């Protein structure tokens, strides 16, 4: 089949199991990341690390038909999706955090050379927090960060879920970059790394930033109390990790991103003991608060008004 380079490509952030259940057998591409495989006119099933993938040909489907295959045939309308559309004057990438069943909830970016700075990266993290993480109602059912918000009990794997939110959001914000997770090096295993290959000389690689993620808690998922001394050690460790991973990967910048799930939000006071250390190691510090219930968030907004 000759592929039309002007057809959209859809990437579902989910393995191909649902397609097989619906009677389709996606074709495997074990080295999708080498840039040699045409992606347009195809429905792709990928994990959050897009190295390999599987696809179904959807060359003959119009836009409505393409969405219908995902929502009605495969019943994957709630799976986060990215649509690459080369038909516009400047190619665009559309990110659907709630899946193609919610077509009006969409973030659009043009595909051109990424202007990546640490400020823009942190702005993108802020956007993900504000739109998808700040309250339980903003979070999809399959990726809730709270086990019991009324008791301030986070999910046991809150760190892993936070990482997935940010990886998908950053990939949408910087479509010409690759967002890698849990890269292993001599100092240990980093959380997130944003890198970009030169579009002309693919041998040239820029690692823009390394992000270390920490979740601060008042309680464990079991209800056990987390002492503040443990949170303080967690923050100090995060600063040292971010600096070490940046230097090991020869990245341009590093940041410690803390997500505060404690009952009492102290803002940047959580960094009081590491401010000098962070300045010396040139690590940016940012913290975001996660409300355990939407009622708490409404009360916070009312106080601000």
C-alpha atoms as a PDB file:
ATOM      1  CA  UNK A   1       0.000   0.000   0.000  1.00  0.00           C
ATOM      2  CA  UNK A   2       1.318   3.456  -0.955  1.00  0.00           C
ATOM      3  CA  UNK A   3       0.794   5.722   2.008  1.00  0.00           C
ATOM      4  CA  UNK A   4      -0.454   9.264   1.517  1.00  0.00           C
ATOM      5  CA  UNK A   5       2.006  11.495   3.437  1.00  0.00           C
ATOM      6  CA  UNK A   6      -0.836  13.967   3.959  1.00  0.00           C
ATOM      7  CA  UNK A   7      -2.994  11.620   6.037  1.00  0.00           C
ATOM      8  CA  UNK A   8      -3.134  11.974   9.827  1.00  0.00           C
ATOM      9  CA  UNK A   9      -1.463   9.543  12.184  1.00  0.00           C
ATOM     10  CA  UNK A  10      -3.000   8.592  15.531  1.00  0.00           C
ATOM     11  CA  UNK A  11      -0.932   7.377  18.459  1.00  0.00           C
ATOM     12  CA  UNK A  12      -2.752   5.640  21.305  1.00  0.00           C
ATOM     13  CA  UNK A  13      -0.764   5.437  24.513  1.00  0.00           C
ATOM     14  CA  UNK A  14      -1.759   1.838  25.093  1.00  0.00           C
ATOM     15  CA  UNK A  15      -0.546  -1.599  23.931  1.00  0.00           C
ATOM     16  CA  UNK A  16      -2.435  -3.292  21.102  1.00  0.00           C
ATOM     17  CA  UNK A  17      -4.519  -5.694  23.198  1.00  0.00           C
ATOM     18  CA  UNK A  18      -7.864  -4.018  22.497  1.00  0.00           C
ATOM     19  CA  UNK A  19      -7.249  -4.185  18.750  1.00  0.00           C
ATOM     20  CA  UNK A  20      -6.628  -7.919  18.923  1.00  0.00           C
ATOM     21  CA  UNK A  21      -9.785  -8.396  20.981  1.00  0.00           C
ATOM     22  CA  UNK A  22     -11.714  -6.522  18.270  1.00  0.00           C
ATOM     23  CA  UNK A  23     -10.466  -8.953  15.621  1.00  0.00           C
ATOM     24  CA  UNK A  24      -7.538  -6.948  14.254  1.00  0.00           C
ATOM     25  CA  UNK A  25      -3.868  -7.924  14.250  1.00  0.00           C
ATOM     26  CA  UNK A  26      -1.608  -4.847  14.306  1.00  0.00           C
ATOM     27  CA  UNK A  27       1.675  -5.045  12.423  1.00  0.00           C
ATOM     28  CA  UNK A  28       4.786  -4.762  14.569  1.00  0.00           C
ATOM     29  CA  UNK A  29       7.536  -2.158  13.982  1.00  0.00           C
ATOM     30  CA  UNK A  30      10.347  -3.002  16.419  1.00  0.00           C
ATOM     31  CA  UNK A  31      12.480   0.091  15.644  1.00  0.00           C
ATOM     32  CA  UNK A  32       9.898   2.839  15.219  1.00  0.00           C
ATOM     33  CA  UNK A  33      12.209   5.401  16.801  1.00  0.00           C
ATOM     34  CA  UNK A  34      14.773   5.265  13.954  1.00  0.00           C
ATOM     35  CA  UNK A  35      12.644   7.552  11.750  1.00  0.00           C
ATOM     36  CA  UNK A  36      12.633   5.186   8.761  1.00  0.00           C
ATOM     37  CA  UNK A  37       9.018   3.983   9.012  1.00  0.00           C
ATOM     38  CA  UNK A  38       6.187   6.124   7.552  1.00  0.00           C
ATOM     39  CA  UNK A  39       3.665   6.944  10.288  1.00  0.00           C
ATOM     40  CA  UNK A  40       0.870   8.719   8.393  1.00  0.00           C
ATOM     41  CA  UNK A  41      -2.377   6.985   7.524  1.00  0.00           C
ATOM     42  CA  UNK A  42      -1.925   4.615  10.417  1.00  0.00           C
ATOM     43  CA  UNK A  43      -3.336   4.034  13.888  1.00  0.00           C
ATOM     44  CA  UNK A  44      -0.443   3.346  16.224  1.00  0.00           C
ATOM     45  CA  UNK A  45      -0.350   1.521  19.547  1.00  0.00           C
ATOM     46  CA  UNK A  46       2.644   2.641  21.587  1.00  0.00           C
ATOM     47  CA  UNK A  47       3.809   2.794  25.170  1.00  0.00           C
ATOM     48  CA  UNK A  48       4.920   6.064  26.755  1.00  0.00           C
ATOM     49  CA  UNK A  49       8.464   5.246  25.574  1.00  0.00           C
ATOM     50  CA  UNK A  50       7.987   5.242  21.789  1.00  0.00           C
ATOM     51  CA  UNK A  51      10.784   2.927  20.690  1.00  0.00           C
ATOM     52  CA  UNK A  52       8.700   0.188  19.092  1.00  0.00           C
ATOM     53  CA  UNK A  53       5.051   0.163  18.099  1.00  0.00           C
ATOM     54  CA  UNK A  54       2.260  -1.653  16.278  1.00  0.00           C
ATOM     55  CA  UNK A  55      -0.162  -0.184  13.778  1.00  0.00           C
ATOM     56  CA  UNK A  56      -3.354  -0.664  11.805  1.00  0.00           C
ATOM     57  CA  UNK A  57      -3.730   0.892   8.364  1.00  0.00           C
ATOM     58  CA  UNK A  58      -6.494   3.517   8.379  1.00  0.00           C
ATOM     59  CA  UNK A  59      -5.591   5.110   5.062  1.00  0.00           C
ATOM     60  CA  UNK A  60      -9.159   5.103   3.752  1.00  0.00           C
ATOM     61  CA  UNK A  61     -10.844   6.541   6.848  1.00  0.00           C
ATOM     62  CA  UNK A  62     -11.856  10.190   6.982  1.00  0.00           C
ATOM     63  CA  UNK A  63     -11.473  12.104  10.238  1.00  0.00           C
ATOM     64  CA  UNK A  64     -14.826  11.030  11.653  1.00  0.00           C
ATOM     65  CA  UNK A  65     -14.168   7.447  10.613  1.00  0.00           C
ATOM     66  CA  UNK A  66     -10.745   7.556  12.222  1.00  0.00           C
ATOM     67  CA  UNK A  67     -12.183   8.713  15.541  1.00  0.00           C
ATOM     68  CA  UNK A  68     -14.955   6.116  15.211  1.00  0.00           C
ATOM     69  CA  UNK A  69     -12.467   3.272  14.822  1.00  0.00           C
ATOM     70  CA  UNK A  70     -10.919   4.245  18.133  1.00  0.00           C
ATOM     71  CA  UNK A  71     -14.112   4.974  20.068  1.00  0.00           C
ATOM     72  CA  UNK A  72     -16.641   2.540  18.602  1.00  0.00           C
ATOM     73  CA  UNK A  73     -14.684  -0.356  17.098  1.00  0.00           C
ATOM     74  CA  UNK A  74     -11.803  -0.638  19.548  1.00  0.00           C
ATOM     75  CA  UNK A  75     -13.618   0.919  22.532  1.00  0.00           C
ATOM     76  CA  UNK A  76     -10.488   2.877  23.421  1.00  0.00           C
ATOM     77  CA  UNK A  77     -12.049   6.325  23.433  1.00  0.00           C
ATOM     78  CA  UNK A  78     -10.757   7.095  26.938  1.00  0.00           C
ATOM     79  CA  UNK A  79      -7.121   6.253  26.168  1.00  0.00           C
ATOM     80  CA  UNK A  80      -4.831   9.329  25.935  1.00  0.00           C
ATOM     81  CA  UNK A  81      -4.085   9.980  22.274  1.00  0.00           C
ATOM     82  CA  UNK A  82      -1.870  12.117  20.053  1.00  0.00           C
ATOM     83  CA  UNK A  83      -2.931  12.979  16.487  1.00  0.00           C
ATOM     84  CA  UNK A  84      -0.277  14.167  14.050  1.00  0.00           C
ATOM     85  CA  UNK A  85      -1.864  16.125  11.190  1.00  0.00           C
ATOM     86  CA  UNK A  86       0.438  17.039   8.268  1.00  0.00           C
ATOM     87  CA  UNK A  87      -2.402  18.539   6.182  1.00  0.00           C
ATOM     88  CA  UNK A  88      -2.336  21.983   7.807  1.00  0.00           C
ATOM     89  CA  UNK A  89      -0.064  24.745   6.500  1.00  0.00           C
ATOM     90  CA  UNK A  90       2.284  23.983   9.387  1.00  0.00           C
ATOM     91  CA  UNK A  91       1.941  20.406  10.606  1.00  0.00           C
ATOM     92  CA  UNK A  92       0.172  20.179  13.958  1.00  0.00           C
ATOM     93  CA  UNK A  93       0.063  17.787  16.869  1.00  0.00           C
ATOM     94  CA  UNK A  94      -3.161  17.438  18.859  1.00  0.00           C
ATOM     95  CA  UNK A  95      -3.024  15.925  22.329  1.00  0.00           C
ATOM     96  CA  UNK A  96      -6.238  14.440  23.767  1.00  0.00           C
ATOM     97  CA  UNK A  97      -5.528  13.763  27.470  1.00  0.00           C
ATOM     98  CA  UNK A  98      -8.965  12.167  28.001  1.00  0.00           C
ATOM     99  CA  UNK A  99      -8.952  10.266  24.705  1.00  0.00           C
ATOM    100  CA  UNK A 100     -10.712  10.716  21.355  1.00  0.00           C
ATOM    101  CA  UNK A 101     -14.130  10.262  22.966  1.00  0.00           C
ATOM    102  CA  UNK A 102     -13.608  13.807  24.292  1.00  0.00           C
ATOM    103  CA  UNK A 103     -12.594  15.611  21.070  1.00  0.00           C
ATOM    104  CA  UNK A 104     -13.148  19.094  22.512  1.00  0.00           C
ATOM    105  CA  UNK A 105     -10.588  18.512  25.275  1.00  0.00           C
ATOM    106  CA  UNK A 106      -7.544  19.017  23.137  1.00  0.00           C
ATOM    107  CA  UNK A 107      -4.209  20.832  23.170  1.00  0.00           C
ATOM    108  CA  UNK A 108      -2.761  21.869  19.814  1.00  0.00           C
ATOM    109  CA  UNK A 109       0.881  22.543  18.990  1.00  0.00           C
ATOM    110  CA  UNK A 110       2.577  23.317  15.690  1.00  0.00           C
ATOM    111  CA  UNK A 111       5.480  21.149  14.610  1.00  0.00           C
ATOM    112  CA  UNK A 112       8.596  23.221  14.154  1.00  0.00           C
ATOM    113  CA  UNK A 113      11.901  23.430  15.915  1.00  0.00           C
ATOM    114  CA  UNK A 114      11.267  23.295  19.628  1.00  0.00           C
ATOM    115  CA  UNK A 115      12.210  26.364  21.666  1.00  0.00           C
ATOM    116  CA  UNK A 116      13.040  24.494  24.815  1.00  0.00           C
ATOM    117  CA  UNK A 117      14.178  26.214  27.979  1.00  0.00           C
ATOM    118  CA  UNK A 118      13.836  25.181  31.592  1.00  0.00           C
ATOM    119  CA  UNK A 119      11.286  27.958  32.069  1.00  0.00           C
ATOM    120  CA  UNK A 120       9.132  26.573  29.267  1.00  0.00           C
ATOM    121  CA  UNK A 121       9.498  23.044  30.622  1.00  0.00           C
ATOM    122  CA  UNK A 122       8.329  24.144  34.068  1.00  0.00           C
ATOM    123  CA  UNK A 123       5.483  26.127  32.510  1.00  0.00           C
ATOM    124  CA  UNK A 124       4.412  22.894  30.794  1.00  0.00           C
ATOM    125  CA  UNK A 125       4.554  21.028  34.113  1.00  0.00           C
ATOM    126  CA  UNK A 126       2.471  23.807  35.642  1.00  0.00           C
ATOM    127  CA  UNK A 127      -0.113  23.389  32.880  1.00  0.00           C
ATOM    128  CA  UNK A 128      -0.310  19.619  33.437  1.00  0.00           C
ATOM    129  CA  UNK A 129      -0.760  20.193  37.173  1.00  0.00           C
ATOM    130  CA  UNK A 130      -3.427  22.851  36.693  1.00  0.00           C
ATOM    131  CA  UNK A 131      -5.474  20.912  34.142  1.00  0.00           C
ATOM    132  CA  UNK A 132      -5.043  17.267  35.164  1.00  0.00           C
ATOM    133  CA  UNK A 133      -3.598  16.877  38.649  1.00  0.00           C
ATOM    134  CA  UNK A 134      -4.760  19.619  41.012  1.00  0.00           C
ATOM    135  CA  UNK A 135      -7.928  17.806  42.192  1.00  0.00           C
ATOM    136  CA  UNK A 136      -9.142  14.190  42.010  1.00  0.00           C
ATOM    137  CA  UNK A 137     -11.905  15.247  39.607  1.00  0.00           C
ATOM    138  CA  UNK A 138      -9.269  16.483  37.145  1.00  0.00           C
ATOM    139  CA  UNK A 139      -7.711  13.020  37.049  1.00  0.00           C
ATOM    140  CA  UNK A 140      -8.908  10.144  34.831  1.00  0.00           C
ATOM    141  CA  UNK A 141     -10.414   7.232  36.750  1.00  0.00           C
ATOM    142  CA  UNK A 142      -7.580   4.903  35.782  1.00  0.00           C
ATOM    143  CA  UNK A 143      -4.886   7.264  37.085  1.00  0.00           C
ATOM    144  CA  UNK A 144      -6.212   8.678  40.357  1.00  0.00           C
ATOM    145  CA  UNK A 145      -3.471  10.027  42.605  1.00  0.00           C
ATOM    146  CA  UNK A 146      -5.533   9.609  45.777  1.00  0.00           C
ATOM    147  CA  UNK A 147      -6.579   6.368  47.436  1.00  0.00           C
ATOM    148  CA  UNK A 148      -8.780   8.189  49.977  1.00  0.00           C
ATOM    149  CA  UNK A 149      -8.820  11.957  49.671  1.00  0.00           C
ATOM    150  CA  UNK A 150     -10.972  12.473  52.767  1.00  0.00           C
ATOM    151  CA  UNK A 151      -8.200  10.873  54.822  1.00  0.00           C
ATOM    152  CA  UNK A 152      -5.316  12.374  52.792  1.00  0.00           C
ATOM    153  CA  UNK A 153      -4.114   8.896  51.778  1.00  0.00           C
ATOM    154  CA  UNK A 154      -2.267   9.016  48.429  1.00  0.00           C
ATOM    155  CA  UNK A 155      -2.255   6.118  46.007  1.00  0.00           C
ATOM    156  CA  UNK A 156       0.573   3.709  46.717  1.00  0.00           C
ATOM    157  CA  UNK A 157       2.121   4.368  43.288  1.00  0.00           C
ATOM    158  CA  UNK A 158       1.521   8.132  43.266  1.00  0.00           C
ATOM    159  CA  UNK A 159       5.081   8.759  42.017  1.00  0.00           C
ATOM    160  CA  UNK A 160       4.635   6.465  39.017  1.00  0.00           C
ATOM    161  CA  UNK A 161       1.302   8.038  38.121  1.00  0.00           C
ATOM    162  CA  UNK A 162       2.745  11.537  38.448  1.00  0.00           C
ATOM    163  CA  UNK A 163       5.566  10.553  36.105  1.00  0.00           C
ATOM    164  CA  UNK A 164       3.092   9.351  33.464  1.00  0.00           C
ATOM    165  CA  UNK A 165       1.046  12.582  33.660  1.00  0.00           C
ATOM    166  CA  UNK A 166       4.161  14.679  33.139  1.00  0.00           C
ATOM    167  CA  UNK A 167       5.698  12.494  30.436  1.00  0.00           C
ATOM    168  CA  UNK A 168       2.575  12.658  28.281  1.00  0.00           C
ATOM    169  CA  UNK A 169       2.073  16.379  28.922  1.00  0.00           C
ATOM    170  CA  UNK A 170       5.675  17.263  28.115  1.00  0.00           C
ATOM    171  CA  UNK A 171       5.604  15.166  24.950  1.00  0.00           C
ATOM    172  CA  UNK A 172       2.571  17.169  23.805  1.00  0.00           C
ATOM    173  CA  UNK A 173       4.182  20.493  24.746  1.00  0.00           C
ATOM    174  CA  UNK A 174       7.433  19.707  22.909  1.00  0.00           C
ATOM    175  CA  UNK A 175       6.483  17.533  19.930  1.00  0.00           C
ATOM    176  CA  UNK A 176       9.929  17.680  18.298  1.00  0.00           C
ATOM    177  CA  UNK A 177      11.546  16.344  21.467  1.00  0.00           C
ATOM    178  CA  UNK A 178      11.735  12.894  23.001  1.00  0.00           C
ATOM    179  CA  UNK A 179      10.744  12.634  26.651  1.00  0.00           C
ATOM    180  CA  UNK A 180      12.484   9.673  28.240  1.00  0.00           C
ATOM    181  CA  UNK A 181      11.755   8.177  31.630  1.00  0.00           C
ATOM    182  CA  UNK A 182      13.861   6.252  34.115  1.00  0.00           C
ATOM    183  CA  UNK A 183      17.118   6.353  32.171  1.00  0.00           C
ATOM    184  CA  UNK A 184      19.817   4.456  34.055  1.00  0.00           C
ATOM    185  CA  UNK A 185      23.322   5.839  34.505  1.00  0.00           C
ATOM    186  CA  UNK A 186      26.244   5.644  36.901  1.00  0.00           C
ATOM    187  CA  UNK A 187      24.597   7.915  39.549  1.00  0.00           C
ATOM    188  CA  UNK A 188      21.310   5.980  39.442  1.00  0.00           C
ATOM    189  CA  UNK A 189      18.010   6.120  37.561  1.00  0.00           C
ATOM    190  CA  UNK A 190      16.607   9.539  36.625  1.00  0.00           C
ATOM    191  CA  UNK A 191      12.889  10.291  36.369  1.00  0.00           C
ATOM    192  CA  UNK A 192      12.437  12.367  33.202  1.00  0.00           C
ATOM    193  CA  UNK A 193      14.755  13.664  30.505  1.00  0.00           C
ATOM    194  CA  UNK A 194      13.871  15.904  27.544  1.00  0.00           C
ATOM    195  CA  UNK A 195      16.101  15.509  24.521  1.00  0.00           C
ATOM    196  CA  UNK A 196      15.999  16.650  20.898  1.00  0.00           C
ATOM    197  CA  UNK A 197      17.790  15.510  17.769  1.00  0.00           C
ATOM    198  CA  UNK A 198      18.828  18.005  15.132  1.00  0.00           C
ATOM    199  CA  UNK A 199      16.330  17.626  12.244  1.00  0.00           C
ATOM    200  CA  UNK A 200      19.130  17.951   9.684  1.00  0.00           C
ATOM    201  CA  UNK A 201      21.982  16.119  11.381  1.00  0.00           C
ATOM    202  CA  UNK A 202      20.404  13.277  13.371  1.00  0.00           C
ATOM    203  CA  UNK A 203      23.761  12.527  14.989  1.00  0.00           C
ATOM    204  CA  UNK A 204      23.475  15.769  16.989  1.00  0.00           C
ATOM    205  CA  UNK A 205      21.558  15.420  20.227  1.00  0.00           C
ATOM    206  CA  UNK A 206      20.663  18.090  22.783  1.00  0.00           C
ATOM    207  CA  UNK A 207      19.539  17.057  26.238  1.00  0.00           C
ATOM    208  CA  UNK A 208      17.553  20.085  27.331  1.00  0.00           C
ATOM    209  CA  UNK A 209      16.600  19.166  30.888  1.00  0.00           C
ATOM    210  CA  UNK A 210      16.488  16.512  33.563  1.00  0.00           C
ATOM    211  CA  UNK A 211      13.576  16.496  36.013  1.00  0.00           C
ATOM    212  CA  UNK A 212      13.617  14.715  39.351  1.00  0.00           C
ATOM    213  CA  UNK A 213      10.130  14.114  40.795  1.00  0.00           C
ATOM    214  CA  UNK A 214       9.252  13.780  44.483  1.00  0.00           C
ATOM    215  CA  UNK A 215       5.868  13.292  46.167  1.00  0.00           C
ATOM    216  CA  UNK A 216       5.559  14.674  49.701  1.00  0.00           C
ATOM    217  CA  UNK A 217       3.084  12.951  52.014  1.00  0.00           C
ATOM    218  CA  UNK A 218       1.434  13.261  55.403  1.00  0.00           C
ATOM    219  CA  UNK A 219       0.306   9.623  55.204  1.00  0.00           C
ATOM    220  CA  UNK A 220       1.149   6.475  53.311  1.00  0.00           C
ATOM    221  CA  UNK A 221      -1.553   4.613  51.403  1.00  0.00           C
ATOM    222  CA  UNK A 222      -1.895   2.360  54.463  1.00  0.00           C
ATOM    223  CA  UNK A 223      -2.735   5.352  56.661  1.00  0.00           C
ATOM    224  CA  UNK A 224       0.616   5.280  58.463  1.00  0.00           C
ATOM    225  CA  UNK A 225       1.954   8.725  59.324  1.00  0.00           C
ATOM    226  CA  UNK A 226       4.964   9.982  57.347  1.00  0.00           C
ATOM    227  CA  UNK A 227       7.287  12.023  59.576  1.00  0.00           C
ATOM    228  CA  UNK A 228       8.346  15.436  58.277  1.00  0.00           C
ATOM    229  CA  UNK A 229      11.974  14.406  58.662  1.00  0.00           C
ATOM    230  CA  UNK A 230      11.385  11.817  55.929  1.00  0.00           C
ATOM    231  CA  UNK A 231       9.945  14.433  53.558  1.00  0.00           C
ATOM    232  CA  UNK A 232      12.940  16.697  54.283  1.00  0.00           C
ATOM    233  CA  UNK A 233      15.377  13.901  53.461  1.00  0.00           C
ATOM    234  CA  UNK A 234      13.382  13.156  50.304  1.00  0.00           C
ATOM    235  CA  UNK A 235      13.745  16.786  49.144  1.00  0.00           C
ATOM    236  CA  UNK A 236      17.479  16.939  49.889  1.00  0.00           C
ATOM    237  CA  UNK A 237      18.012  13.655  48.059  1.00  0.00           C
ATOM    238  CA  UNK A 238      16.069  15.038  45.082  1.00  0.00           C
ATOM    239  CA  UNK A 239      18.360  18.065  44.744  1.00  0.00           C
ATOM    240  CA  UNK A 240      21.465  15.888  44.742  1.00  0.00           C
ATOM    241  CA  UNK A 241      19.923  13.409  42.311  1.00  0.00           C
ATOM    242  CA  UNK A 242      18.874  16.122  39.838  1.00  0.00           C
ATOM    243  CA  UNK A 243      22.378  17.594  39.774  1.00  0.00           C
ATOM    244  CA  UNK A 244      24.097  14.231  39.429  1.00  0.00           C
ATOM    245  CA  UNK A 245      21.791  13.046  36.639  1.00  0.00           C
ATOM    246  CA  UNK A 246      22.183  16.334  34.737  1.00  0.00           C
ATOM    247  CA  UNK A 247      25.967  16.085  34.842  1.00  0.00           C
ATOM    248  CA  UNK A 248      25.966  12.377  33.961  1.00  0.00           C
ATOM    249  CA  UNK A 249      23.712  12.958  30.933  1.00  0.00           C
ATOM    250  CA  UNK A 250      25.387  16.262  29.933  1.00  0.00           C
ATOM    251  CA  UNK A 251      21.988  17.942  30.078  1.00  0.00           C
ATOM    252  CA  UNK A 252      21.636  21.711  29.951  1.00  0.00           C
ATOM    253  CA  UNK A 253      19.480  22.117  33.067  1.00  0.00           C
ATOM    254  CA  UNK A 254      18.040  20.291  36.040  1.00  0.00           C
ATOM    255  CA  UNK A 255      15.028  20.801  38.287  1.00  0.00           C
ATOM    256  CA  UNK A 256      13.512  19.173  41.336  1.00  0.00           C
ATOM    257  CA  UNK A 257       9.725  19.039  40.940  1.00  0.00           C
ATOM    258  CA  UNK A 258       7.885  18.304  44.187  1.00  0.00           C
ATOM    259  CA  UNK A 259       4.196  17.432  44.334  1.00  0.00           C
ATOM    260  CA  UNK A 260       2.896  18.157  47.807  1.00  0.00           C
ATOM    261  CA  UNK A 261       0.136  15.792  48.990  1.00  0.00           C
ATOM    262  CA  UNK A 262       0.434  16.771  52.658  1.00  0.00           C
ATOM    263  CA  UNK A 263      -2.512  18.097  54.643  1.00  0.00           C
ATOM    264  CA  UNK A 264      -0.861  21.467  55.229  1.00  0.00           C
ATOM    265  CA  UNK A 265       0.699  23.136  52.214  1.00  0.00           C
ATOM    266  CA  UNK A 266       3.730  25.224  53.129  1.00  0.00           C
ATOM    267  CA  UNK A 267       4.669  26.341  49.638  1.00  0.00           C
ATOM    268  CA  UNK A 268       8.375  26.777  49.062  1.00  0.00           C
ATOM    269  CA  UNK A 269       9.084  26.391  52.781  1.00  0.00           C
ATOM    270  CA  UNK A 270       9.635  22.719  51.974  1.00  0.00           C
ATOM    271  CA  UNK A 271      12.874  23.880  50.319  1.00  0.00           C
ATOM    272  CA  UNK A 272      14.127  25.949  53.278  1.00  0.00           C
ATOM    273  CA  UNK A 273      16.858  23.480  54.224  1.00  0.00           C
ATOM    274  CA  UNK A 274      18.117  22.948  50.656  1.00  0.00           C
ATOM    275  CA  UNK A 275      18.055  26.448  49.138  1.00  0.00           C
ATOM    276  CA  UNK A 276      21.804  26.985  49.446  1.00  0.00           C
ATOM    277  CA  UNK A 277      22.516  23.467  48.223  1.00  0.00           C
ATOM    278  CA  UNK A 278      20.286  23.970  45.173  1.00  0.00           C
ATOM    279  CA  UNK A 279      21.986  27.270  44.331  1.00  0.00           C
ATOM    280  CA  UNK A 280      25.425  25.673  44.615  1.00  0.00           C
ATOM    281  CA  UNK A 281      24.411  22.717  42.435  1.00  0.00           C
ATOM    282  CA  UNK A 282      22.390  24.907  40.032  1.00  0.00           C
ATOM    283  CA  UNK A 283      19.158  22.963  40.449  1.00  0.00           C
ATOM    284  CA  UNK A 284      15.824  24.741  40.035  1.00  0.00           C
ATOM    285  CA  UNK A 285      13.229  24.111  42.753  1.00  0.00           C
ATOM    286  CA  UNK A 286       9.465  24.030  42.160  1.00  0.00           C
ATOM    287  CA  UNK A 287       6.545  22.694  44.192  1.00  0.00           C
ATOM    288  CA  UNK A 288       2.871  22.126  43.344  1.00  0.00           C
ATOM    289  CA  UNK A 289       0.078  21.319  45.782  1.00  0.00           C
ATOM    290  CA  UNK A 290      -2.394  18.519  45.096  1.00  0.00           C
ATOM    291  CA  UNK A 291      -5.779  18.981  46.745  1.00  0.00           C
ATOM    292  CA  UNK A 292      -7.221  15.785  48.180  1.00  0.00           C
ATOM    293  CA  UNK A 293     -10.829  16.828  47.397  1.00  0.00           C
ATOM    294  CA  UNK A 294     -12.477  19.341  45.114  1.00  0.00           C
ATOM    295  CA  UNK A 295     -14.134  20.941  48.157  1.00  0.00           C
ATOM    296  CA  UNK A 296     -10.726  21.879  49.542  1.00  0.00           C
ATOM    297  CA  UNK A 297      -9.832  23.406  46.178  1.00  0.00           C
ATOM    298  CA  UNK A 298     -13.032  25.472  46.076  1.00  0.00           C
ATOM    299  CA  UNK A 299     -12.378  26.751  49.585  1.00  0.00           C
ATOM    300  CA  UNK A 300      -8.848  27.681  48.575  1.00  0.00           C
ATOM    301  CA  UNK A 301     -10.155  29.630  45.585  1.00  0.00           C
ATOM    302  CA  UNK A 302     -12.720  31.397  47.766  1.00  0.00           C
ATOM    303  CA  UNK A 303     -10.050  32.503  50.225  1.00  0.00           C
ATOM    304  CA  UNK A 304      -7.979  33.841  47.377  1.00  0.00           C
ATOM    305  CA  UNK A 305     -10.940  35.843  46.063  1.00  0.00           C
END
